[in-house]
Amino acid sequence: MDDFEEDTRLGYAYLGGYLSTDKRGIPRKRYHHEKSEASHLCRAALARVLRSDRPLDRQLRDMLADMFEPTVRPESPWCERRLKAGFRAPTKPRDPNANTHMAWFVWERAAEVGVEAAIQKAMGKFNVSRERMYDLWKVYKPLFEAIWGPLHRTDPV
């Protein structure tokens, strides 16, 4: 068995479970605990299979499709689990598009009314704190200046 086949086998175990005999001698389907080292090993193997140039076999393709299926397909032996998308970080991620939009709002108004007044307008429009707007301004101002040159402002901030 080559590495690709071994990785495929580990992918089967991750997606479809594995058999383990209980103390009464009955085979039971089990899944690796999501945060276990075995689970991480299987996920890494599955990622290698998906990134390889070799084609996916039909069973692995069906197992993956069943994880995305919104409803249970009674004819499938692998449809008992589902895929849930989530963020990797424990905190809510920042939205770079929203951040850029809010900073651009300040940039567009800062030359006319000054940075402080532009930030006050942004705070009211976007319902964010003064601290949050100044944090964004600190990050985005140098980027905007690198593209459009220095801000010619009436406010000394």
C-alpha atoms as a PDB file:
ATOM      1  CA  MET A   1       0.000   0.000   0.000  1.00  0.00           C
ATOM      2  CA  ASP A   2       1.464   3.366  -1.020  1.00  0.00           C
ATOM      3  CA  ASP A   3       1.147   6.656   0.883  1.00  0.00           C
ATOM      4  CA  PHE A   4      -1.831   7.828  -1.189  1.00  0.00           C
ATOM      5  CA  GLU A   5      -3.757   4.631  -0.441  1.00  0.00           C
ATOM      6  CA  GLU A   6      -2.913   4.878   3.261  1.00  0.00           C
ATOM      7  CA  ASP A   7      -4.046   8.503   3.293  1.00  0.00           C
ATOM      8  CA  THR A   8      -7.276   7.495   1.534  1.00  0.00           C
ATOM      9  CA  ARG A   9      -7.867   4.814   4.166  1.00  0.00           C
ATOM     10  CA  LEU A  10      -7.386   7.382   6.929  1.00  0.00           C
ATOM     11  CA  GLY A  11      -9.820   9.664   5.090  1.00  0.00           C
ATOM     12  CA  TYR A  12     -12.394   6.853   5.135  1.00  0.00           C
ATOM     13  CA  ALA A  13     -11.900   6.505   8.886  1.00  0.00           C
ATOM     14  CA  TYR A  14     -12.366  10.215   9.435  1.00  0.00           C
ATOM     15  CA  LEU A  15     -15.446  10.599   7.229  1.00  0.00           C
ATOM     16  CA  GLY A  16     -17.136   7.243   7.736  1.00  0.00           C
ATOM     17  CA  GLY A  17     -15.861   6.063  11.083  1.00  0.00           C
ATOM     18  CA  TYR A  18     -14.131   2.823  11.976  1.00  0.00           C
ATOM     19  CA  LEU A  19     -15.201  -0.383  13.670  1.00  0.00           C
ATOM     20  CA  SER A  20     -14.289  -1.121  17.235  1.00  0.00           C
ATOM     21  CA  THR A  21     -15.415  -4.158  19.188  1.00  0.00           C
ATOM     22  CA  ASP A  22     -17.123  -3.372  22.474  1.00  0.00           C
ATOM     23  CA  LYS A  23     -16.646  -5.428  25.654  1.00  0.00           C
ATOM     24  CA  ARG A  24     -19.476  -7.774  24.637  1.00  0.00           C
ATOM     25  CA  GLY A  25     -17.725  -8.565  21.354  1.00  0.00           C
ATOM     26  CA  ILE A  26     -20.089  -6.503  19.192  1.00  0.00           C
ATOM     27  CA  PRO A  27     -18.517  -4.382  16.440  1.00  0.00           C
ATOM     28  CA  ARG A  28     -19.545  -0.737  16.806  1.00  0.00           C
ATOM     29  CA  LYS A  29     -18.955   2.204  14.504  1.00  0.00           C
ATOM     30  CA  ARG A  30     -16.818   4.848  16.189  1.00  0.00           C
ATOM     31  CA  TYR A  31     -15.392   8.205  15.203  1.00  0.00           C
ATOM     32  CA  HIS A  32     -12.217   9.820  16.424  1.00  0.00           C
ATOM     33  CA  HIS A  33     -12.862  12.616  18.927  1.00  0.00           C
ATOM     34  CA  GLU A  34     -12.637  15.870  16.958  1.00  0.00           C
ATOM     35  CA  LYS A  35      -9.700  17.285  18.924  1.00  0.00           C
ATOM     36  CA  SER A  36      -7.769  14.024  19.201  1.00  0.00           C
ATOM     37  CA  GLU A  37      -4.411  13.382  17.619  1.00  0.00           C
ATOM     38  CA  ALA A  38      -5.969  10.553  15.575  1.00  0.00           C
ATOM     39  CA  SER A  39      -8.555  12.967  14.195  1.00  0.00           C
ATOM     40  CA  HIS A  40      -5.832  15.465  13.245  1.00  0.00           C
ATOM     41  CA  LEU A  41      -3.838  12.690  11.573  1.00  0.00           C
ATOM     42  CA  CYS A  42      -6.887  11.593   9.535  1.00  0.00           C
ATOM     43  CA  ARG A  43      -7.752  15.163   8.542  1.00  0.00           C
ATOM     44  CA  ALA A  44      -4.198  15.852   7.395  1.00  0.00           C
ATOM     45  CA  ALA A  45      -4.233  12.634   5.371  1.00  0.00           C
ATOM     46  CA  LEU A  46      -7.557  13.561   3.783  1.00  0.00           C
ATOM     47  CA  ALA A  47      -6.201  17.001   2.890  1.00  0.00           C
ATOM     48  CA  ARG A  48      -3.201  15.374   1.169  1.00  0.00           C
ATOM     49  CA  VAL A  49      -5.550  13.141  -0.834  1.00  0.00           C
ATOM     50  CA  LEU A  50      -7.682  16.099  -1.897  1.00  0.00           C
ATOM     51  CA  ARG A  51      -4.614  18.116  -2.925  1.00  0.00           C
ATOM     52  CA  SER A  52      -2.972  15.301  -4.858  1.00  0.00           C
ATOM     53  CA  ASP A  53      -3.121  14.938  -8.634  1.00  0.00           C
ATOM     54  CA  ARG A  54      -4.581  11.463  -8.318  1.00  0.00           C
ATOM     55  CA  PRO A  55      -8.323  10.993  -8.813  1.00  0.00           C
ATOM     56  CA  LEU A  56     -10.644  10.433  -5.865  1.00  0.00           C
ATOM     57  CA  ASP A  57     -12.237   7.030  -5.694  1.00  0.00           C
ATOM     58  CA  ARG A  58     -16.007   6.813  -5.775  1.00  0.00           C
ATOM     59  CA  GLN A  59     -16.396   5.879  -2.109  1.00  0.00           C
ATOM     60  CA  LEU A  60     -14.413   8.860  -0.844  1.00  0.00           C
ATOM     61  CA  ARG A  61     -16.279  11.161  -3.244  1.00  0.00           C
ATOM     62  CA  ASP A  62     -19.637   9.844  -1.951  1.00  0.00           C
ATOM     63  CA  MET A  63     -18.519  10.180   1.665  1.00  0.00           C
ATOM     64  CA  LEU A  64     -17.565  13.810   1.108  1.00  0.00           C
ATOM     65  CA  ALA A  65     -20.791  14.549  -0.784  1.00  0.00           C
ATOM     66  CA  ASP A  66     -22.824  13.045   2.052  1.00  0.00           C
ATOM     67  CA  MET A  67     -21.122  15.391   4.528  1.00  0.00           C
ATOM     68  CA  PHE A  68     -22.401  18.352   2.483  1.00  0.00           C
ATOM     69  CA  GLU A  69     -25.882  16.905   1.917  1.00  0.00           C
ATOM     70  CA  PRO A  70     -28.421  19.031   3.833  1.00  0.00           C
ATOM     71  CA  THR A  71     -30.745  16.082   4.485  1.00  0.00           C
ATOM     72  CA  VAL A  72     -30.120  12.462   5.387  1.00  0.00           C
ATOM     73  CA  ARG A  73     -30.083  10.116   2.427  1.00  0.00           C
ATOM     74  CA  PRO A  74     -31.436   6.787   3.700  1.00  0.00           C
ATOM     75  CA  GLU A  75     -29.652   4.854   0.955  1.00  0.00           C
ATOM     76  CA  SER A  76     -26.226   6.060   2.096  1.00  0.00           C
ATOM     77  CA  PRO A  77     -24.296   4.259   4.827  1.00  0.00           C
ATOM     78  CA  TRP A  78     -22.188   7.412   5.461  1.00  0.00           C
ATOM     79  CA  CYS A  79     -24.853  10.089   5.766  1.00  0.00           C
ATOM     80  CA  GLU A  80     -25.040  10.199   9.560  1.00  0.00           C
ATOM     81  CA  ARG A  81     -22.486  13.006   9.920  1.00  0.00           C
ATOM     82  CA  ARG A  82     -22.489  16.469   8.420  1.00  0.00           C
ATOM     83  CA  LEU A  83     -19.937  19.120   7.687  1.00  0.00           C
ATOM     84  CA  LYS A  84     -20.153  22.329   9.695  1.00  0.00           C
ATOM     85  CA  ALA A  85     -18.187  25.352   8.595  1.00  0.00           C
ATOM     86  CA  GLY A  86     -16.795  27.474  11.370  1.00  0.00           C
ATOM     87  CA  PHE A  87     -14.053  29.931  12.095  1.00  0.00           C
ATOM     88  CA  ARG A  88     -10.727  28.598  13.335  1.00  0.00           C
ATOM     89  CA  ALA A  89     -10.131  31.411  15.812  1.00  0.00           C
ATOM     90  CA  PRO A  90     -12.198  31.480  19.013  1.00  0.00           C
ATOM     91  CA  THR A  91     -13.001  35.161  18.474  1.00  0.00           C
ATOM     92  CA  LYS A  92     -15.190  36.628  15.772  1.00  0.00           C
ATOM     93  CA  PRO A  93     -12.979  37.537  12.814  1.00  0.00           C
ATOM     94  CA  ARG A  94     -12.740  41.104  11.637  1.00  0.00           C
ATOM     95  CA  ASP A  95     -14.181  41.834   8.225  1.00  0.00           C
ATOM     96  CA  PRO A  96     -11.485  43.525   6.121  1.00  0.00           C
ATOM     97  CA  ASN A  97     -14.064  44.844   3.656  1.00  0.00           C
ATOM     98  CA  ALA A  98     -16.037  46.541   6.420  1.00  0.00           C
ATOM     99  CA  ASN A  99     -12.851  47.879   8.007  1.00  0.00           C
ATOM    100  CA  THR A 100     -11.642  49.326   4.710  1.00  0.00           C
ATOM    101  CA  HIS A 101     -15.046  50.877   4.071  1.00  0.00           C
ATOM    102  CA  MET A 102     -15.119  52.601   7.462  1.00  0.00           C
ATOM    103  CA  ALA A 103     -11.516  53.845   7.159  1.00  0.00           C
ATOM    104  CA  TRP A 104     -12.176  55.094   3.631  1.00  0.00           C
ATOM    105  CA  PHE A 105     -15.200  56.991   4.947  1.00  0.00           C
ATOM    106  CA  VAL A 106     -12.851  58.851   7.326  1.00  0.00           C
ATOM    107  CA  TRP A 107     -10.191  59.369   4.629  1.00  0.00           C
ATOM    108  CA  GLU A 108     -12.678  60.934   2.229  1.00  0.00           C
ATOM    109  CA  ARG A 109     -13.896  63.437   4.854  1.00  0.00           C
ATOM    110  CA  ALA A 110     -10.687  64.121   6.795  1.00  0.00           C
ATOM    111  CA  ALA A 111      -9.282  66.678   4.336  1.00  0.00           C
ATOM    112  CA  GLU A 112     -12.518  68.682   4.439  1.00  0.00           C
ATOM    113  CA  VAL A 113     -13.526  68.561   8.097  1.00  0.00           C
ATOM    114  CA  GLY A 114     -10.452  67.171   9.853  1.00  0.00           C
ATOM    115  CA  VAL A 115      -9.723  63.726  11.205  1.00  0.00           C
ATOM    116  CA  GLU A 116     -11.549  64.160  14.510  1.00  0.00           C
ATOM    117  CA  ALA A 117     -14.759  65.388  12.865  1.00  0.00           C
ATOM    118  CA  ALA A 118     -14.544  62.642  10.220  1.00  0.00           C
ATOM    119  CA  ILE A 119     -14.136  60.024  12.945  1.00  0.00           C
ATOM    120  CA  GLN A 120     -17.101  61.495  14.833  1.00  0.00           C
ATOM    121  CA  LYS A 121     -19.213  61.164  11.670  1.00  0.00           C
ATOM    122  CA  ALA A 122     -18.020  57.575  11.177  1.00  0.00           C
ATOM    123  CA  MET A 123     -18.845  56.702  14.782  1.00  0.00           C
ATOM    124  CA  GLY A 124     -22.403  57.909  14.274  1.00  0.00           C
ATOM    125  CA  LYS A 125     -22.865  56.363  10.840  1.00  0.00           C
ATOM    126  CA  PHE A 126     -21.415  52.932  11.641  1.00  0.00           C
ATOM    127  CA  ASN A 127     -22.262  52.770  15.356  1.00  0.00           C
ATOM    128  CA  VAL A 128     -18.687  51.997  16.423  1.00  0.00           C
ATOM    129  CA  SER A 129     -16.593  53.347  19.263  1.00  0.00           C
ATOM    130  CA  ARG A 130     -14.105  56.178  19.013  1.00  0.00           C
ATOM    131  CA  GLU A 131     -11.345  53.763  20.010  1.00  0.00           C
ATOM    132  CA  ARG A 132     -12.325  51.349  17.214  1.00  0.00           C
ATOM    133  CA  MET A 133     -12.310  54.107  14.604  1.00  0.00           C
ATOM    134  CA  TYR A 134      -8.922  55.402  15.759  1.00  0.00           C
ATOM    135  CA  ASP A 135      -7.556  51.833  15.671  1.00  0.00           C
ATOM    136  CA  LEU A 136      -8.744  51.505  12.077  1.00  0.00           C
ATOM    137  CA  TRP A 137      -7.421  54.937  11.196  1.00  0.00           C
ATOM    138  CA  LYS A 138      -3.991  54.040  12.600  1.00  0.00           C
ATOM    139  CA  VAL A 139      -3.842  50.959  10.343  1.00  0.00           C
ATOM    140  CA  TYR A 140      -5.358  52.364   7.169  1.00  0.00           C
ATOM    141  CA  LYS A 141      -4.023  55.937   7.073  1.00  0.00           C
ATOM    142  CA  PRO A 142      -0.472  54.840   6.107  1.00  0.00           C
ATOM    143  CA  LEU A 143      -1.894  52.541   3.432  1.00  0.00           C
ATOM    144  CA  PHE A 144      -4.041  55.275   1.937  1.00  0.00           C
ATOM    145  CA  GLU A 145      -1.138  57.758   2.083  1.00  0.00           C
ATOM    146  CA  ALA A 146       1.136  55.263   0.312  1.00  0.00           C
ATOM    147  CA  ILE A 147      -1.371  55.114  -2.528  1.00  0.00           C
ATOM    148  CA  TRP A 148      -2.724  58.685  -2.725  1.00  0.00           C
ATOM    149  CA  GLY A 149      -0.029  60.684  -0.989  1.00  0.00           C
ATOM    150  CA  PRO A 150      -0.203  62.591   2.279  1.00  0.00           C
ATOM    151  CA  LEU A 151      -3.536  63.747   3.582  1.00  0.00           C
ATOM    152  CA  HIS A 152      -3.810  67.509   3.371  1.00  0.00           C
ATOM    153  CA  ARG A 153      -5.958  68.106   6.379  1.00  0.00           C
ATOM    154  CA  THR A 154      -7.272  70.993   8.373  1.00  0.00           C
ATOM    155  CA  ASP A 155      -7.085  68.996  11.626  1.00  0.00           C
ATOM    156  CA  PRO A 156      -3.566  68.536  13.129  1.00  0.00           C
ATOM    157  CA  VAL A 157      -4.321  64.909  14.205  1.00  0.00           C
END
